[in-house]
C-alpha atoms as a PDB file:
ATOM      1  CA  MET A   1       0.251  -0.155   0.057  1.00  0.00           C
ATOM      2  CA  SER A   2       1.620   3.318  -0.708  1.00  0.00           C
ATOM      3  CA  LYS A   3       1.648   6.410   1.366  1.00  0.00           C
ATOM      4  CA  PRO A   4      -0.878   9.111   0.384  1.00  0.00           C
ATOM      5  CA  THR A   5       1.059  12.691  -0.595  1.00  0.00           C
ATOM      6  CA  SER A   6       1.222  15.128   2.280  1.00  0.00           C
ATOM      7  CA  LEU A   7      -0.663  18.541   1.262  1.00  0.00           C
ATOM      8  CA  THR A   8       1.950  21.499   1.303  1.00  0.00           C
ATOM      9  CA  TYR A   9       1.207  24.864   1.764  1.00  0.00           C
ATOM     10  CA  LYS A  10       2.831  27.945   0.251  1.00  0.00           C
ATOM     11  CA  THR A  11       2.513  31.057   2.134  1.00  0.00           C
ATOM     12  CA  THR A  12       2.265  33.972  -0.790  1.00  0.00           C
ATOM     13  CA  ASN A  13       1.719  36.924   1.654  1.00  0.00           C
ATOM     14  CA  TRP A  14       4.453  37.137   4.135  1.00  0.00           C
ATOM     15  CA  ALA A  15       3.537  40.387   5.461  1.00  0.00           C
ATOM     16  CA  ASP A  16       0.116  39.720   6.498  1.00  0.00           C
ATOM     17  CA  TYR A  17       1.312  36.244   7.956  1.00  0.00           C
ATOM     18  CA  ASN A  18       3.894  37.675  10.159  1.00  0.00           C
ATOM     19  CA  ALA A  19       1.417  40.301  11.792  1.00  0.00           C
ATOM     20  CA  ALA A  20      -1.257  37.890  12.094  1.00  0.00           C
ATOM     21  CA  LEU A  21       1.676  35.825  14.127  1.00  0.00           C
ATOM     22  CA  LYS A  22       2.463  39.156  16.150  1.00  0.00           C
ATOM     23  CA  ARG A  23      -1.375  39.327  16.691  1.00  0.00           C
ATOM     24  CA  ARG A  24      -1.762  35.874  18.184  1.00  0.00           C
ATOM     25  CA  GLY A  25       0.872  36.746  20.847  1.00  0.00           C
ATOM     26  CA  SER A  26      -0.823  39.570  22.033  1.00  0.00           C
ATOM     27  CA  LEU A  27      -2.248  40.206  25.674  1.00  0.00           C
ATOM     28  CA  THR A  28      -3.856  42.558  26.978  1.00  0.00           C
ATOM     29  CA  ILE A  29      -5.139  42.701  30.997  1.00  0.00           C
ATOM     30  CA  TRP A  30      -7.140  45.281  32.006  1.00  0.00           C
ATOM     31  CA  PHE A  31      -7.619  45.964  35.828  1.00  0.00           C
ATOM     32  CA  ASP A  32     -10.654  48.545  36.623  1.00  0.00           C
ATOM     33  CA  PRO A  33      -9.220  51.238  39.019  1.00  0.00           C
ATOM     34  CA  GLU A  34     -12.363  51.606  40.688  1.00  0.00           C
ATOM     35  CA  MET A  35     -11.992  48.031  41.821  1.00  0.00           C
ATOM     36  CA  ASN A  36     -11.707  47.187  45.956  1.00  0.00           C
ATOM     37  CA  TRP A  37      -8.806  45.205  45.965  1.00  0.00           C
ATOM     38  CA  ASP A  38      -8.775  44.829  49.927  1.00  0.00           C
ATOM     39  CA  ALA A  39     -11.637  42.974  51.648  1.00  0.00           C
ATOM     40  CA  GLU A  40     -13.875  45.063  53.770  1.00  0.00           C
ATOM     41  CA  PRO A  41     -14.068  44.399  57.451  1.00  0.00           C
ATOM     42  CA  SER A  42     -16.834  41.829  58.222  1.00  0.00           C
ATOM     43  CA  GLY A  43     -17.563  43.017  61.952  1.00  0.00           C
ATOM     44  CA  LYS A  44     -17.164  38.969  63.345  1.00  0.00           C
ATOM     45  CA  ARG A  45     -14.488  37.578  65.641  1.00  0.00           C
ATOM     46  CA  GLY A  46     -11.231  36.722  64.454  1.00  0.00           C
ATOM     47  CA  ARG A  47      -8.752  37.620  62.103  1.00  0.00           C
ATOM     48  CA  SER A  48     -10.080  39.755  59.027  1.00  0.00           C
ATOM     49  CA  ARG A  49      -9.826  38.822  55.396  1.00  0.00           C
ATOM     50  CA  THR A  50      -7.072  40.710  53.426  1.00  0.00           C
ATOM     51  CA  PHE A  51      -8.328  40.654  50.405  1.00  0.00           C
ATOM     52  CA  SER A  52     -11.560  41.198  48.624  1.00  0.00           C
ATOM     53  CA  ASP A  53     -13.539  37.910  46.762  1.00  0.00           C
ATOM     54  CA  ALA A  54     -13.274  39.753  43.010  1.00  0.00           C
ATOM     55  CA  ALA A  55      -9.554  40.185  43.900  1.00  0.00           C
ATOM     56  CA  ILE A  56      -9.216  36.433  44.498  1.00  0.00           C
ATOM     57  CA  GLN A  57     -11.174  35.513  41.778  1.00  0.00           C
ATOM     58  CA  THR A  58      -8.887  37.627  39.598  1.00  0.00           C
ATOM     59  CA  CYS A  59      -6.120  35.793  40.800  1.00  0.00           C
ATOM     60  CA  LEU A  60      -7.665  32.270  40.351  1.00  0.00           C
ATOM     61  CA  THR A  61      -8.927  33.261  36.842  1.00  0.00           C
ATOM     62  CA  MET A  62      -5.325  33.960  35.850  1.00  0.00           C
ATOM     63  CA  LYS A  63      -4.187  30.671  37.527  1.00  0.00           C
ATOM     64  CA  VAL A  64      -6.415  28.696  35.319  1.00  0.00           C
ATOM     65  CA  LEU A  65      -5.713  30.399  32.377  1.00  0.00           C
ATOM     66  CA  PHE A  66      -2.414  30.303  32.420  1.00  0.00           C
ATOM     67  CA  GLY A  67      -1.614  26.907  34.205  1.00  0.00           C
ATOM     68  CA  MET A  68       0.416  28.223  37.237  1.00  0.00           C
ATOM     69  CA  ALA A  69       0.955  27.124  40.434  1.00  0.00           C
ATOM     70  CA  LEU A  70      -0.422  29.259  43.117  1.00  0.00           C
ATOM     71  CA  ARG A  71       2.834  31.361  44.017  1.00  0.00           C
ATOM     72  CA  GLN A  72       3.504  31.941  40.355  1.00  0.00           C
ATOM     73  CA  THR A  73       0.301  33.339  39.831  1.00  0.00           C
ATOM     74  CA  THR A  74       0.886  35.896  43.101  1.00  0.00           C
ATOM     75  CA  GLY A  75       3.800  36.551  41.423  1.00  0.00           C
ATOM     76  CA  PHE A  76       2.401  37.380  38.210  1.00  0.00           C
ATOM     77  CA  VAL A  77      -0.349  39.524  39.352  1.00  0.00           C
ATOM     78  CA  GLU A  78       1.923  41.489  41.738  1.00  0.00           C
ATOM     79  CA  SER A  79       4.152  42.301  38.843  1.00  0.00           C
ATOM     80  CA  LEU A  80       1.167  43.316  36.519  1.00  0.00           C
ATOM     81  CA  LEU A  81      -0.087  45.716  39.148  1.00  0.00           C
ATOM     82  CA  ARG A  82       3.152  47.378  39.725  1.00  0.00           C
ATOM     83  CA  LEU A  83       3.353  47.434  35.765  1.00  0.00           C
ATOM     84  CA  THR A  84       0.087  49.230  35.646  1.00  0.00           C
ATOM     85  CA  GLY A  85       0.853  51.606  38.437  1.00  0.00           C
ATOM     86  CA  LEU A  86      -1.810  50.476  40.566  1.00  0.00           C
ATOM     87  CA  ASP A  87      -1.272  50.610  44.737  1.00  0.00           C
ATOM     88  CA  TRP A  88      -3.404  47.461  45.272  1.00  0.00           C
ATOM     89  CA  VAL A  89      -0.703  45.193  46.638  1.00  0.00           C
END
């Protein structure tokens, strides 16, 4: 039995192909400056929470999206916040 011939694709427009590859690697993350990063006091006994539910959900979403460990995610989010100039850390 003979092997089927494989199809070959020729790129004819290298400028568009290169631009598409660059766009594919682009990443935009937007933090709402109005978001409350710190947890509100609960009024209950015991240690108060440090971060809001929205902050925790943001970090866990980044963790799942990029497949990182929790400590890596913490460092990643801290560096993103420093880059954006937000003093939430």
